[in-house]
Amino acid sequence: FLIARRKDLAVLEFKRICEKRHYLEVLGLLQSTFSNWIEIKSDIERISLAEIAQKQHRHEYVIKLTLQKLNNTTLPELISIKKNLIRAEEAIKVNFSPEGAIEVEKALLSDF
């Protein structure tokens, strides 16, 4: 939902998932997903699809589908979302925010 610019739906989905999983687990998944997307998006400008697939240890078709999903999202937008997620994690861990899930929600709602 984030890459489709539907922040409202992203927050609702986050809340729904947090009913079954701890918010730090969801944040970790979001962090790793966006890291992979950033790597794929930056690599496509320099190396082939097959090389990216080999580097990511994924099938080439999975990389192709990921790139299609990210087609309308720029690399700076992905980096900005990742930075927002990092800020949320810092607020939770460094500042010992008692409302960690709210920090993640704020990151999802932040501009990118």
Protein backbone atom coordinates (compact mmCIF):
# COMPACT_ATOMS: atom_id res chain seq x y z
CA PHE A 1 0.00 0.00 0.00
CA LEU A 2 2.89 2.34 0.67
CA ILE A 3 4.27 2.15 -2.83
CA ALA A 4 0.75 2.71 -4.16
CA ARG A 5 0.67 5.86 -2.00
CA ARG A 6 -2.24 4.55 0.06
CA LYS A 7 -0.88 5.40 3.50
CA ASP A 8 -4.28 5.06 5.13
CA LEU A 9 -4.56 1.45 3.96
CA ALA A 10 -0.94 0.79 4.93
CA VAL A 11 -1.67 1.83 8.53
CA LEU A 12 -4.86 -0.25 8.65
CA GLU A 13 -2.97 -3.28 7.31
CA PHE A 14 -0.19 -2.69 9.86
CA LYS A 15 -2.75 -2.63 12.69
CA ARG A 16 -4.40 -5.80 11.36
CA ILE A 17 -1.08 -7.64 11.18
CA CYS A 18 -0.11 -6.42 14.66
CA GLU A 19 -3.13 -8.24 16.07
CA LYS A 20 -1.26 -11.47 15.30
CA ARG A 21 2.40 -10.39 15.31
CA HIS A 22 4.50 -8.06 17.47
CA TYR A 23 5.02 -4.64 15.89
CA LEU A 24 8.83 -4.99 16.01
CA GLU A 25 8.57 -8.16 13.95
CA VAL A 26 6.47 -6.30 11.37
CA LEU A 27 8.89 -3.36 11.41
CA GLY A 28 11.79 -5.75 10.79
CA LEU A 29 9.97 -7.27 7.84
CA LEU A 30 9.25 -3.82 6.40
CA GLN A 31 12.91 -2.82 6.89
CA SER A 32 14.25 -5.86 5.07
CA THR A 33 11.66 -5.61 2.28
CA PHE A 34 12.50 -1.98 1.57
CA SER A 35 16.23 -2.72 1.75
CA ASN A 36 15.80 -5.42 -0.89
CA TRP A 37 13.66 -3.16 -3.06
CA ILE A 38 16.22 -0.36 -2.85
CA GLU A 39 18.99 -2.75 -3.82
CA ILE A 40 17.01 -4.14 -6.76
CA LYS A 41 15.94 -0.70 -7.96
CA SER A 42 19.49 0.66 -7.84
CA ASP A 43 21.03 -2.46 -9.40
CA ILE A 44 18.72 -2.51 -12.42
CA GLU A 45 20.45 0.60 -13.75
CA ARG A 46 23.85 -1.14 -13.71
CA ILE A 47 23.43 -4.89 -14.08
CA SER A 48 21.13 -7.34 -15.82
CA LEU A 49 18.01 -8.94 -14.41
CA ALA A 50 19.76 -12.31 -14.30
CA GLU A 51 22.67 -10.87 -12.31
CA ILE A 52 20.28 -9.24 -9.83
CA ALA A 53 18.45 -12.55 -9.41
CA GLN A 54 21.72 -14.34 -8.75
CA LYS A 55 22.85 -11.65 -6.30
CA GLN A 56 19.50 -11.73 -4.44
CA HIS A 57 19.34 -15.55 -4.51
CA ARG A 58 15.91 -15.37 -6.10
CA HIS A 59 14.39 -16.50 -9.35
CA GLU A 60 14.64 -14.02 -12.19
CA TYR A 61 10.84 -13.98 -12.54
CA VAL A 62 10.47 -12.84 -8.90
CA ILE A 63 12.84 -9.95 -9.58
CA LYS A 64 10.90 -9.07 -12.74
CA LEU A 65 7.60 -9.01 -10.81
CA THR A 66 9.18 -6.89 -8.06
CA LEU A 67 10.39 -4.37 -10.64
CA GLN A 68 6.92 -4.23 -12.17
CA LYS A 69 5.48 -3.53 -8.73
CA LEU A 70 8.05 -0.78 -8.20
CA ASN A 71 7.61 0.69 -11.68
CA ASN A 72 5.82 3.84 -10.46
CA THR A 73 8.05 4.30 -7.41
CA THR A 74 11.34 6.13 -7.61
CA LEU A 75 14.53 5.16 -5.82
CA PRO A 76 14.47 8.38 -3.73
CA GLU A 77 10.92 7.55 -2.59
CA LEU A 78 12.01 4.08 -1.47
CA ILE A 79 14.99 5.52 0.36
CA SER A 80 12.77 8.10 2.07
CA ILE A 81 10.35 5.40 3.28
CA LYS A 82 13.29 3.35 4.56
CA LYS A 83 14.63 6.40 6.43
CA ASN A 84 11.21 6.91 8.05
CA LEU A 85 11.22 3.28 9.19
CA ILE A 86 14.75 3.69 10.60
CA ARG A 87 13.62 6.79 12.52
CA ALA A 88 10.71 4.82 13.97
CA GLU A 89 13.05 2.04 15.05
CA GLU A 90 15.41 4.55 16.68
CA ALA A 91 12.51 6.19 18.52
CA ILE A 92 11.48 2.80 19.85
CA LYS A 93 14.91 1.46 20.78
CA VAL A 94 16.96 4.53 21.68
CA ASN A 95 14.28 6.69 23.22
CA PHE A 96 12.46 3.70 24.68
CA SER A 97 9.17 4.91 23.28
CA PRO A 98 6.38 3.18 25.19
CA GLU A 99 4.11 3.45 22.17
CA GLY A 100 6.29 1.67 19.61
CA ALA A 101 3.44 0.73 17.30
CA ILE A 102 2.49 4.41 17.07
CA GLU A 103 6.05 5.25 16.00
CA VAL A 104 5.73 2.77 13.14
CA GLU A 105 2.35 4.21 12.18
CA LYS A 106 3.87 7.71 12.11
CA ALA A 107 6.63 6.39 9.82
CA LEU A 108 4.03 4.90 7.48
CA LEU A 109 2.12 8.18 7.37
CA SER A 110 5.21 10.38 6.85
CA ASP A 111 5.78 12.10 3.54
CA PHE A 112 8.23 10.58 1.13
